[in-house]
Amino acid sequence: MQFSKSTDYALHALVHLGLSERSSNVGIKELSGTLGVSESYLSKIMSKLRQDGIVRAVPGVNGGYELARPAEQISFFDVVQVMEGRQQLFKCSNSRSQQHRLLDEEESAPESQRELDRKECLIEKVMYSAEQQMYQYLREQTIQSVLDEALKRRFSHEMNKK
């Protein structure tokens, strides 16, 4: 599985906005220059983030974008959902195959139980669990956690120079 470049750029843009949060909003021109992405492509990304309430557009000559909520309240999961969509990553497409029937409960199980089990693909169950664990990890990671790590690294680097 691979996330799209849009997700990558969205996360980088949000981190940049988080760094600028204390001073002012950031214009699309500055943001696209910093990220090395075309203004039109980045505008589409920012529009999606704005529609979902992650960033806010500031109108005017000196307008641009700013975080719509504190960086610690914007999780990687939020961004992935906006950019990648909200669908399940894996769907069992082989539920009528002979292999699928072999993975089914033993024939001795009650008929009602066998019918329930047939509806749950064991492979899909594993994949769904993995997906949920990944999403949980992404929920725990925020834009602020990246900003904190960057600050920690910068401080460590400056201390090593002395």
N, C-alpha and C. Protein backbone atom coordinates (compact mmCIF):
# COMPACT_ATOMS: atom_id res chain seq x y z
N MET A 1 0.85 -1.18 0.00
CA MET A 1 0.00 0.00 0.00
C MET A 1 0.89 1.23 0.00
N GLN A 2 0.48 2.21 -0.76
CA GLN A 2 1.23 3.45 -0.84
C GLN A 2 0.27 4.62 -0.78
N PHE A 3 0.61 5.59 0.05
CA PHE A 3 -0.20 6.80 0.10
C PHE A 3 0.15 7.69 -1.09
N SER A 4 -0.78 8.50 -1.51
CA SER A 4 -0.57 9.37 -2.66
C SER A 4 0.36 10.53 -2.31
N LYS A 5 0.88 11.15 -3.36
CA LYS A 5 1.72 12.34 -3.17
C LYS A 5 0.90 13.46 -2.53
N SER A 6 -0.39 13.49 -2.79
CA SER A 6 -1.25 14.51 -2.19
C SER A 6 -1.20 14.44 -0.67
N THR A 7 -1.21 13.22 -0.13
CA THR A 7 -1.12 13.06 1.32
C THR A 7 0.22 13.55 1.83
N ASP A 8 1.28 13.20 1.11
CA ASP A 8 2.62 13.65 1.47
C ASP A 8 2.68 15.18 1.50
N TYR A 9 2.22 15.83 0.44
CA TYR A 9 2.26 17.28 0.37
C TYR A 9 1.37 17.93 1.42
N ALA A 10 0.21 17.33 1.66
CA ALA A 10 -0.70 17.86 2.67
C ALA A 10 -0.04 17.85 4.05
N LEU A 11 0.60 16.74 4.40
CA LEU A 11 1.26 16.66 5.71
C LEU A 11 2.40 17.67 5.82
N HIS A 12 3.20 17.78 4.75
CA HIS A 12 4.30 18.75 4.77
C HIS A 12 3.77 20.19 4.86
N ALA A 13 2.70 20.47 4.15
CA ALA A 13 2.10 21.81 4.20
C ALA A 13 1.61 22.12 5.61
N LEU A 14 0.98 21.15 6.25
CA LEU A 14 0.46 21.37 7.60
C LEU A 14 1.59 21.59 8.60
N VAL A 15 2.68 20.87 8.44
CA VAL A 15 3.83 21.07 9.32
C VAL A 15 4.38 22.49 9.10
N HIS A 16 4.47 22.91 7.85
CA HIS A 16 4.95 24.27 7.56
C HIS A 16 4.02 25.31 8.19
N LEU A 17 2.72 25.10 8.06
CA LEU A 17 1.76 26.02 8.68
C LEU A 17 1.91 26.00 10.20
N GLY A 18 2.19 24.82 10.76
CA GLY A 18 2.39 24.71 12.20
C GLY A 18 3.61 25.49 12.66
N LEU A 19 4.66 25.49 11.86
CA LEU A 19 5.87 26.25 12.18
C LEU A 19 5.58 27.75 12.12
N SER A 20 4.72 28.15 11.21
CA SER A 20 4.39 29.56 11.00
C SER A 20 3.23 30.02 11.86
N GLU A 21 2.60 29.10 12.56
CA GLU A 21 1.35 29.36 13.27
C GLU A 21 1.44 30.56 14.21
N ARG A 22 2.56 30.71 14.88
CA ARG A 22 2.66 31.76 15.88
C ARG A 22 2.85 33.15 15.25
N SER A 23 3.27 33.20 13.98
CA SER A 23 3.52 34.50 13.36
C SER A 23 2.34 34.95 12.49
N SER A 24 2.07 34.24 11.40
CA SER A 24 0.99 34.66 10.51
C SER A 24 0.60 33.51 9.60
N ASN A 25 -0.38 33.82 8.75
CA ASN A 25 -0.79 32.82 7.76
C ASN A 25 0.27 32.75 6.66
N VAL A 26 0.17 31.72 5.84
CA VAL A 26 1.15 31.49 4.79
C VAL A 26 0.43 31.48 3.44
N GLY A 27 0.95 32.28 2.52
CA GLY A 27 0.37 32.35 1.17
C GLY A 27 0.70 31.11 0.37
N ILE A 28 -0.13 30.84 -0.62
CA ILE A 28 0.04 29.65 -1.45
C ILE A 28 1.35 29.70 -2.22
N LYS A 29 1.79 30.90 -2.60
CA LYS A 29 3.04 31.05 -3.34
C LYS A 29 4.23 30.62 -2.47
N GLU A 30 4.27 31.10 -1.22
CA GLU A 30 5.34 30.71 -0.30
C GLU A 30 5.29 29.22 -0.02
N LEU A 31 4.10 28.73 0.23
CA LEU A 31 3.93 27.31 0.55
C LEU A 31 4.36 26.42 -0.62
N SER A 32 3.97 26.77 -1.83
CA SER A 32 4.35 25.94 -2.97
C SER A 32 5.85 26.02 -3.23
N GLY A 33 6.45 27.20 -3.00
CA GLY A 33 7.89 27.34 -3.15
C GLY A 33 8.65 26.51 -2.13
N THR A 34 8.17 26.51 -0.91
CA THR A 34 8.82 25.74 0.15
C THR A 34 8.73 24.24 -0.10
N LEU A 35 7.59 23.81 -0.59
CA LEU A 35 7.37 22.37 -0.82
C LEU A 35 7.84 21.90 -2.19
N GLY A 36 8.07 22.84 -3.10
CA GLY A 36 8.47 22.46 -4.45
C GLY A 36 7.34 21.82 -5.23
N VAL A 37 6.14 22.37 -5.07
CA VAL A 37 4.93 21.84 -5.72
C VAL A 37 4.27 23.01 -6.45
N SER A 38 3.62 22.72 -7.57
CA SER A 38 2.94 23.79 -8.30
C SER A 38 1.82 24.39 -7.44
N GLU A 39 1.60 25.68 -7.65
CA GLU A 39 0.55 26.38 -6.89
C GLU A 39 -0.82 25.77 -7.16
N SER A 40 -1.10 25.41 -8.42
CA SER A 40 -2.43 24.88 -8.75
C SER A 40 -2.67 23.53 -8.06
N TYR A 41 -1.66 22.67 -8.07
CA TYR A 41 -1.79 21.35 -7.41
C TYR A 41 -1.96 21.53 -5.90
N LEU A 42 -1.14 22.39 -5.32
CA LEU A 42 -1.22 22.63 -3.88
C LEU A 42 -2.54 23.29 -3.50
N SER A 43 -3.06 24.15 -4.36
CA SER A 43 -4.35 24.80 -4.09
C SER A 43 -5.46 23.76 -3.96
N LYS A 44 -5.43 22.74 -4.81
CA LYS A 44 -6.43 21.67 -4.73
C LYS A 44 -6.32 20.92 -3.41
N ILE A 45 -5.09 20.65 -2.99
CA ILE A 45 -4.86 19.96 -1.72
C ILE A 45 -5.37 20.82 -0.56
N MET A 46 -5.01 22.09 -0.58
CA MET A 46 -5.41 22.99 0.50
C MET A 46 -6.93 23.16 0.53
N SER A 47 -7.55 23.14 -0.63
CA SER A 47 -9.00 23.25 -0.70
C SER A 47 -9.67 22.07 0.01
N LYS A 48 -9.14 20.87 -0.22
CA LYS A 48 -9.68 19.68 0.46
C LYS A 48 -9.51 19.80 1.97
N LEU A 49 -8.33 20.25 2.40
CA LEU A 49 -8.07 20.41 3.83
C LEU A 49 -8.97 21.49 4.43
N ARG A 50 -9.25 22.54 3.66
CA ARG A 50 -10.13 23.60 4.13
C ARG A 50 -11.57 23.09 4.26
N GLN A 51 -12.02 22.34 3.26
CA GLN A 51 -13.39 21.81 3.29
C GLN A 51 -13.62 20.89 4.48
N ASP A 52 -12.57 20.22 4.91
CA ASP A 52 -12.68 19.31 6.04
C ASP A 52 -12.38 19.99 7.38
N GLY A 53 -12.11 21.29 7.37
CA GLY A 53 -11.90 22.03 8.61
C GLY A 53 -10.53 21.86 9.23
N ILE A 54 -9.55 21.47 8.43
CA ILE A 54 -8.19 21.30 8.96
C ILE A 54 -7.40 22.60 8.83
N VAL A 55 -7.62 23.32 7.72
CA VAL A 55 -7.01 24.64 7.56
C VAL A 55 -8.12 25.65 7.32
N ARG A 56 -7.72 26.91 7.48
CA ARG A 56 -8.64 28.01 7.25
C ARG A 56 -7.99 28.95 6.23
N ALA A 57 -8.77 29.41 5.27
CA ALA A 57 -8.28 30.37 4.28
C ALA A 57 -8.45 31.77 4.85
N VAL A 58 -7.39 32.56 4.78
CA VAL A 58 -7.44 33.94 5.23
C VAL A 58 -7.49 34.82 3.98
N PRO A 59 -8.59 35.55 3.78
CA PRO A 59 -8.73 36.36 2.57
C PRO A 59 -7.87 37.63 2.62
N GLY A 60 -7.73 38.25 1.46
CA GLY A 60 -7.04 39.53 1.40
C GLY A 60 -5.71 39.46 0.70
N VAL A 61 -5.10 40.63 0.53
CA VAL A 61 -3.83 40.75 -0.16
C VAL A 61 -2.75 39.94 0.55
N ASN A 62 -2.73 40.02 1.85
CA ASN A 62 -1.75 39.26 2.63
C ASN A 62 -2.34 37.96 3.16
N GLY A 63 -3.35 37.48 2.49
CA GLY A 63 -4.03 36.26 2.93
C GLY A 63 -3.23 35.02 2.62
N GLY A 64 -3.80 33.91 2.99
CA GLY A 64 -3.15 32.63 2.78
C GLY A 64 -3.89 31.57 3.57
N TYR A 65 -3.15 30.66 4.16
CA TYR A 65 -3.74 29.58 4.94
C TYR A 65 -3.13 29.55 6.33
N GLU A 66 -3.94 29.07 7.26
CA GLU A 66 -3.47 28.82 8.62
C GLU A 66 -4.19 27.57 9.14
N LEU A 67 -3.65 26.99 10.17
CA LEU A 67 -4.31 25.82 10.77
C LEU A 67 -5.64 26.26 11.36
N ALA A 68 -6.67 25.48 11.15
CA ALA A 68 -7.99 25.81 11.68
C ALA A 68 -8.15 25.39 13.13
N ARG A 69 -7.27 24.54 13.59
CA ARG A 69 -7.28 24.13 14.99
C ARG A 69 -5.84 23.87 15.42
N PRO A 70 -5.60 23.77 16.71
CA PRO A 70 -4.22 23.57 17.18
C PRO A 70 -3.57 22.32 16.56
N ALA A 71 -2.26 22.41 16.35
CA ALA A 71 -1.51 21.32 15.70
C ALA A 71 -1.65 20.01 16.46
N GLU A 72 -1.82 20.05 17.77
CA GLU A 72 -1.96 18.81 18.54
C GLU A 72 -3.33 18.15 18.33
N GLN A 73 -4.24 18.87 17.68
CA GLN A 73 -5.57 18.32 17.40
C GLN A 73 -5.73 17.87 15.95
N ILE A 74 -4.64 17.90 15.19
CA ILE A 74 -4.68 17.44 13.80
C ILE A 74 -3.83 16.19 13.70
N SER A 75 -4.50 15.05 13.56
CA SER A 75 -3.77 13.78 13.49
C SER A 75 -3.45 13.42 12.05
N PHE A 76 -2.46 12.58 11.90
CA PHE A 76 -2.13 12.06 10.57
C PHE A 76 -3.33 11.32 10.00
N PHE A 77 -4.09 10.65 10.86
CA PHE A 77 -5.28 9.93 10.42
C PHE A 77 -6.29 10.89 9.78
N ASP A 78 -6.47 12.07 10.38
CA ASP A 78 -7.38 13.07 9.81
C ASP A 78 -6.98 13.40 8.38
N VAL A 79 -5.69 13.61 8.18
CA VAL A 79 -5.19 14.01 6.87
C VAL A 79 -5.31 12.87 5.87
N VAL A 80 -4.96 11.66 6.29
CA VAL A 80 -5.08 10.50 5.41
C VAL A 80 -6.53 10.32 4.97
N GLN A 81 -7.46 10.48 5.88
CA GLN A 81 -8.87 10.31 5.53
C GLN A 81 -9.32 11.35 4.51
N VAL A 82 -8.87 12.59 4.67
CA VAL A 82 -9.25 13.63 3.72
C VAL A 82 -8.65 13.35 2.35
N MET A 83 -7.37 13.02 2.31
CA MET A 83 -6.67 12.90 1.04
C MET A 83 -6.90 11.54 0.35
N GLU A 84 -7.01 10.47 1.11
CA GLU A 84 -7.12 9.13 0.53
C GLU A 84 -8.55 8.62 0.47
N GLY A 85 -9.42 9.23 1.23
CA GLY A 85 -10.80 8.76 1.27
C GLY A 85 -11.03 7.91 2.50
N ARG A 86 -12.27 7.56 2.68
CA ARG A 86 -12.66 6.86 3.91
C ARG A 86 -13.15 5.44 3.64
N GLN A 87 -12.54 4.78 2.71
CA GLN A 87 -12.95 3.41 2.40
C GLN A 87 -12.01 2.40 3.05
N GLN A 88 -12.51 1.21 3.21
CA GLN A 88 -11.70 0.11 3.73
C GLN A 88 -10.63 -0.23 2.69
N LEU A 89 -9.41 -0.47 3.13
CA LEU A 89 -8.30 -0.71 2.20
C LEU A 89 -8.38 -2.07 1.52
N PHE A 90 -8.84 -3.08 2.22
CA PHE A 90 -8.85 -4.44 1.68
C PHE A 90 -10.27 -4.97 1.69
N LYS A 91 -10.68 -5.53 0.59
CA LYS A 91 -11.98 -6.20 0.49
C LYS A 91 -11.75 -7.60 -0.06
N CYS A 92 -12.36 -8.58 0.55
CA CYS A 92 -12.24 -9.96 0.07
C CYS A 92 -13.06 -10.08 -1.22
N SER A 93 -12.39 -10.44 -2.27
CA SER A 93 -13.09 -10.58 -3.55
C SER A 93 -13.19 -12.03 -3.98
N ASN A 94 -12.86 -12.92 -3.06
CA ASN A 94 -12.77 -14.33 -3.41
C ASN A 94 -13.70 -15.18 -2.53
N SER A 95 -14.78 -14.60 -2.04
CA SER A 95 -15.62 -15.29 -1.06
C SER A 95 -16.38 -16.49 -1.61
N ARG A 96 -16.48 -16.62 -2.94
CA ARG A 96 -17.20 -17.76 -3.51
C ARG A 96 -16.26 -18.85 -4.01
N SER A 97 -14.97 -18.68 -3.78
CA SER A 97 -14.00 -19.65 -4.31
C SER A 97 -13.94 -20.92 -3.46
N GLN A 98 -13.36 -21.94 -4.05
CA GLN A 98 -13.17 -23.20 -3.33
C GLN A 98 -12.23 -22.96 -2.14
N GLN A 99 -11.20 -22.16 -2.34
CA GLN A 99 -10.26 -21.87 -1.25
C GLN A 99 -10.98 -21.24 -0.06
N HIS A 100 -11.87 -20.31 -0.34
CA HIS A 100 -12.61 -19.65 0.72
C HIS A 100 -13.44 -20.67 1.50
N ARG A 101 -14.06 -21.59 0.78
CA ARG A 101 -14.87 -22.63 1.46
C ARG A 101 -13.98 -23.54 2.31
N LEU A 102 -12.74 -23.79 1.88
CA LEU A 102 -11.82 -24.61 2.67
C LEU A 102 -11.44 -23.95 3.99
N LEU A 103 -11.44 -22.63 3.99
CA LEU A 103 -11.11 -21.88 5.20
C LEU A 103 -12.30 -21.76 6.15
N ASP A 104 -13.46 -22.18 5.68
CA ASP A 104 -14.69 -22.09 6.45
C ASP A 104 -14.64 -23.07 7.64
N GLU A 105 -15.53 -22.85 8.59
CA GLU A 105 -15.63 -23.75 9.75
C GLU A 105 -15.90 -25.19 9.29
N GLU A 106 -15.62 -26.12 10.14
CA GLU A 106 -15.87 -27.53 9.84
C GLU A 106 -17.35 -27.75 9.54
N GLU A 107 -17.61 -28.76 8.75
CA GLU A 107 -18.99 -29.09 8.38
C GLU A 107 -19.84 -29.46 9.59
N SER A 108 -19.21 -29.83 10.69
CA SER A 108 -19.97 -30.24 11.86
C SER A 108 -20.56 -29.05 12.62
N ALA A 109 -20.15 -27.85 12.30
CA ALA A 109 -20.70 -26.68 12.97
C ALA A 109 -22.16 -26.53 12.60
N PRO A 110 -22.97 -25.98 13.50
CA PRO A 110 -24.38 -25.77 13.18
C PRO A 110 -24.52 -24.91 11.93
N GLU A 111 -25.57 -25.18 11.16
CA GLU A 111 -25.79 -24.47 9.89
C GLU A 111 -25.80 -22.96 10.08
N SER A 112 -26.48 -22.46 11.12
CA SER A 112 -26.57 -21.01 11.34
C SER A 112 -25.17 -20.41 11.59
N GLN A 113 -24.33 -21.14 12.31
CA GLN A 113 -22.97 -20.66 12.59
C GLN A 113 -22.13 -20.68 11.31
N ARG A 114 -22.28 -21.72 10.50
CA ARG A 114 -21.53 -21.79 9.24
C ARG A 114 -21.90 -20.63 8.32
N GLU A 115 -23.18 -20.26 8.29
CA GLU A 115 -23.60 -19.14 7.44
C GLU A 115 -22.95 -17.85 7.91
N LEU A 116 -22.88 -17.62 9.22
CA LEU A 116 -22.22 -16.42 9.75
C LEU A 116 -20.75 -16.42 9.38
N ASP A 117 -20.09 -17.57 9.54
CA ASP A 117 -18.66 -17.66 9.27
C ASP A 117 -18.35 -17.43 7.81
N ARG A 118 -19.21 -17.89 6.92
CA ARG A 118 -18.98 -17.71 5.48
C ARG A 118 -18.98 -16.23 5.12
N LYS A 119 -19.72 -15.45 5.86
CA LYS A 119 -19.80 -14.03 5.56
C LYS A 119 -18.54 -13.30 6.00
N GLU A 120 -17.72 -13.91 6.85
CA GLU A 120 -16.50 -13.27 7.32
C GLU A 120 -15.30 -13.99 6.73
N CYS A 121 -14.65 -13.36 5.81
CA CYS A 121 -13.44 -13.92 5.22
C CYS A 121 -12.32 -13.83 6.24
N LEU A 122 -11.66 -14.95 6.49
CA LEU A 122 -10.59 -14.96 7.48
C LEU A 122 -9.40 -14.11 7.06
N ILE A 123 -9.14 -14.05 5.78
CA ILE A 123 -8.06 -13.20 5.27
C ILE A 123 -8.43 -11.73 5.43
N GLU A 124 -9.67 -11.40 5.11
CA GLU A 124 -10.12 -10.02 5.27
C GLU A 124 -10.07 -9.62 6.75
N LYS A 125 -10.37 -10.55 7.63
CA LYS A 125 -10.32 -10.28 9.07
C LYS A 125 -8.91 -9.87 9.50
N VAL A 126 -7.90 -10.57 9.02
CA VAL A 126 -6.50 -10.24 9.34
C VAL A 126 -6.15 -8.87 8.76
N MET A 127 -6.51 -8.65 7.51
CA MET A 127 -6.17 -7.39 6.86
C MET A 127 -6.89 -6.21 7.52
N TYR A 128 -8.13 -6.41 7.91
CA TYR A 128 -8.89 -5.36 8.58
C TYR A 128 -8.25 -5.02 9.92
N SER A 129 -7.81 -6.03 10.65
CA SER A 129 -7.15 -5.80 11.93
C SER A 129 -5.86 -5.01 11.74
N ALA A 130 -5.09 -5.35 10.73
CA ALA A 130 -3.84 -4.62 10.44
C ALA A 130 -4.16 -3.16 10.09
N GLU A 131 -5.19 -2.96 9.30
CA GLU A 131 -5.60 -1.62 8.92
C GLU A 131 -5.99 -0.80 10.15
N GLN A 132 -6.75 -1.43 11.05
CA GLN A 132 -7.17 -0.72 12.27
C GLN A 132 -5.98 -0.35 13.15
N GLN A 133 -4.98 -1.23 13.23
CA GLN A 133 -3.79 -0.92 14.01
C GLN A 133 -3.01 0.24 13.39
N MET A 134 -2.91 0.26 12.08
CA MET A 134 -2.24 1.36 11.40
C MET A 134 -2.99 2.67 11.65
N TYR A 135 -4.30 2.64 11.52
CA TYR A 135 -5.10 3.84 11.75
C TYR A 135 -4.98 4.33 13.19
N GLN A 136 -4.92 3.40 14.13
CA GLN A 136 -4.75 3.81 15.52
C GLN A 136 -3.42 4.53 15.71
N TYR A 137 -2.37 4.01 15.11
CA TYR A 137 -1.06 4.66 15.19
C TYR A 137 -1.12 6.06 14.57
N LEU A 138 -1.77 6.18 13.40
CA LEU A 138 -1.90 7.47 12.74
C LEU A 138 -2.74 8.45 13.55
N ARG A 139 -3.70 7.94 14.32
CA ARG A 139 -4.49 8.82 15.21
C ARG A 139 -3.62 9.39 16.32
N GLU A 140 -2.62 8.62 16.74
CA GLU A 140 -1.75 9.05 17.85
C GLU A 140 -0.69 10.05 17.39
N GLN A 141 -0.41 10.10 16.10
CA GLN A 141 0.61 11.01 15.57
C GLN A 141 -0.08 12.28 15.09
N THR A 142 0.41 13.42 15.58
CA THR A 142 -0.19 14.69 15.21
C THR A 142 0.84 15.59 14.54
N ILE A 143 0.35 16.66 13.97
CA ILE A 143 1.24 17.66 13.39
C ILE A 143 2.16 18.19 14.50
N GLN A 144 1.61 18.36 15.69
CA GLN A 144 2.42 18.85 16.81
C GLN A 144 3.52 17.87 17.18
N SER A 145 3.26 16.58 17.10
CA SER A 145 4.30 15.60 17.45
C SER A 145 5.49 15.71 16.49
N VAL A 146 5.22 16.03 15.22
CA VAL A 146 6.30 16.23 14.25
C VAL A 146 7.04 17.53 14.56
N LEU A 147 6.29 18.57 14.89
CA LEU A 147 6.92 19.85 15.25
C LEU A 147 7.80 19.69 16.48
N ASP A 148 7.32 18.95 17.47
CA ASP A 148 8.11 18.72 18.69
C ASP A 148 9.40 17.96 18.38
N GLU A 149 9.30 16.96 17.52
CA GLU A 149 10.48 16.17 17.14
C GLU A 149 11.48 17.03 16.37
N ALA A 150 10.98 17.89 15.49
CA ALA A 150 11.86 18.79 14.73
C ALA A 150 12.57 19.75 15.66
N LEU A 151 11.85 20.28 16.63
CA LEU A 151 12.45 21.19 17.61
C LEU A 151 13.51 20.48 18.45
N LYS A 152 13.21 19.28 18.84
CA LYS A 152 14.15 18.47 19.63
C LYS A 152 15.43 18.21 18.83
N ARG A 153 15.27 17.86 17.56
CA ARG A 153 16.44 17.60 16.71
C ARG A 153 17.26 18.86 16.49
N ARG A 154 16.58 19.98 16.26
CA ARG A 154 17.27 21.25 16.06
C ARG A 154 18.08 21.62 17.30
N PHE A 155 17.47 21.46 18.47
CA PHE A 155 18.14 21.78 19.73
C PHE A 155 19.35 20.86 19.93
N SER A 156 19.17 19.58 19.65
CA SER A 156 20.25 18.61 19.80
C SER A 156 21.40 18.94 18.85
N HIS A 157 21.07 19.32 17.62
CA HIS A 157 22.08 19.66 16.62
C HIS A 157 22.86 20.90 17.06
N GLU A 158 22.14 21.90 17.58
CA GLU A 158 22.81 23.13 18.05
C GLU A 158 23.70 22.84 19.25
N MET A 159 23.27 21.95 20.11
CA MET A 159 24.09 21.60 21.29
C MET A 159 25.36 20.87 20.87
N ASN A 160 25.27 20.06 19.82
CA ASN A 160 26.43 19.33 19.33
C ASN A 160 27.44 20.23 18.65
N LYS A 161 26.99 21.39 18.15
CA LYS A 161 27.90 22.34 17.51
C LYS A 161 28.80 23.02 18.53
N LYS A 162 28.32 23.15 19.75
CA LYS A 162 29.06 23.89 20.80
C LYS A 162 30.19 23.12 21.37
